[in-house]
Protein backbone atom coordinates (compact mmCIF):
# COMPACT_ATOMS: atom_id res chain seq x y z
CA MET A 1 16.28 -10.64 15.24
CA GLY A 2 14.95 -8.24 17.84
CA PRO A 3 12.63 -5.25 17.51
CA VAL A 4 13.55 -2.50 15.06
CA LYS A 5 14.93 0.54 16.88
CA ARG A 6 13.37 3.78 15.69
CA LYS A 7 14.87 7.25 15.99
CA THR A 8 11.42 8.81 16.08
CA ASN A 9 7.94 7.67 17.02
CA ILE A 10 6.01 6.94 13.81
CA MET A 11 2.80 8.16 15.47
CA ALA A 12 4.42 11.57 16.05
CA GLN A 13 4.38 12.17 12.29
CA SER A 14 1.49 14.20 10.85
CA THR A 15 1.36 12.24 7.56
CA TYR A 16 2.26 8.87 6.08
CA SER A 17 2.88 7.77 2.49
CA SER A 18 1.05 5.07 0.55
CA VAL A 19 1.65 3.60 -2.89
CA VAL A 20 -1.57 3.45 -4.91
CA LEU A 21 -2.32 1.46 -8.05
CA ALA A 22 -3.45 4.31 -10.30
CA GLN A 23 -3.78 2.47 -13.61
CA ARG A 24 -3.39 -1.15 -14.65
CA PRO A 25 -0.35 -1.54 -16.91
CA LYS A 26 -1.08 -2.43 -20.55
CA ALA A 27 2.49 -3.67 -21.13
CA ASN A 28 5.27 -2.19 -19.00
CA ILE A 29 4.94 -0.44 -15.68
CA VAL A 30 5.30 3.30 -16.29
CA PRO A 31 6.87 5.29 -13.43
CA GLY A 32 4.51 7.98 -12.21
CA LYS A 33 1.50 6.52 -14.07
CA THR A 34 1.05 2.92 -12.95
CA PHE A 35 1.58 3.76 -9.28
CA THR A 36 1.26 7.06 -7.52
CA LEU A 37 2.63 8.09 -4.15
CA LYS A 38 -0.05 9.57 -1.92
CA GLN A 39 0.42 11.53 1.30
CA ASN A 40 -2.26 10.80 3.92
CA PRO A 41 -3.02 12.34 7.29
CA MET A 42 -1.78 10.12 10.12
CA ILE A 43 -4.52 8.29 11.96
CA SER A 44 -4.56 7.61 15.68
CA GLU A 45 -6.14 5.11 18.01
CA SER A 46 -9.14 7.43 18.41
CA ASP A 47 -9.81 7.20 14.64
CA LEU A 48 -10.21 3.42 14.77
CA LYS A 49 -13.59 1.74 14.75
CA ASP A 50 -14.41 -1.21 16.99
CA GLY A 51 -12.47 -4.28 15.87
CA GLN A 52 -9.87 -2.34 13.83
CA VAL A 53 -6.15 -2.30 14.60
CA LEU A 54 -3.35 0.09 13.70
CA VAL A 55 -0.07 -1.43 12.51
CA GLU A 56 3.26 -0.14 11.22
CA THR A 57 4.80 -1.98 8.27
CA LEU A 58 8.50 -2.51 8.78
CA TYR A 59 9.28 -4.76 5.82
CA LEU A 60 7.64 -5.16 2.42
CA SER A 61 8.17 -8.04 0.02
CA LEU A 62 7.69 -7.81 -3.74
CA ASP A 63 7.06 -11.02 -5.66
CA PRO A 64 7.03 -11.66 -9.44
CA ALA A 65 3.50 -13.10 -9.07
CA MET A 66 2.28 -9.61 -8.21
CA ARG A 67 2.58 -8.71 -11.90
CA GLY A 68 -0.32 -11.07 -12.60
CA TRP A 69 -2.34 -9.41 -9.88
CA LEU A 70 -1.77 -6.01 -11.48
CA ASN A 71 -3.03 -7.28 -14.83
CA GLY A 72 -6.03 -8.97 -13.23
CA THR A 73 -5.00 -12.36 -14.65
CA PHE A 74 -4.27 -14.08 -11.35
CA PHE A 75 -6.84 -15.58 -8.98
CA LYS A 76 -9.97 -13.42 -8.97
CA SER A 77 -10.03 -13.42 -5.15
CA LEU A 78 -6.56 -11.84 -5.08
CA GLN A 79 -7.08 -9.11 -7.67
CA LEU A 80 -5.92 -5.64 -6.80
CA HIS A 81 -8.46 -2.95 -7.51
CA SER A 82 -7.44 0.31 -9.08
CA ARG A 83 -9.52 3.37 -9.65
CA ASP A 84 -10.00 2.25 -13.25
CA PRO A 85 -13.54 0.97 -13.90
CA TYR A 86 -12.39 -2.16 -15.76
């Protein structure tokens, strides 16, 4: 597989989207509550600090084990942190 051909330069965009864990699910994942979609201003090379890199994600994999990470019951070193204090 070769490089992905883009119609536009991703860095030409003024914003990018990120999915944020807003609240750990108690039972089922609730659309619009468990995760939120956040718009962020695009960063550039000049925004990077020494030693940082800027990457574009082309593919994302979702795994059933991630459910444990959301609940905080998986390995402590792999826990996802939400804005919830618990």
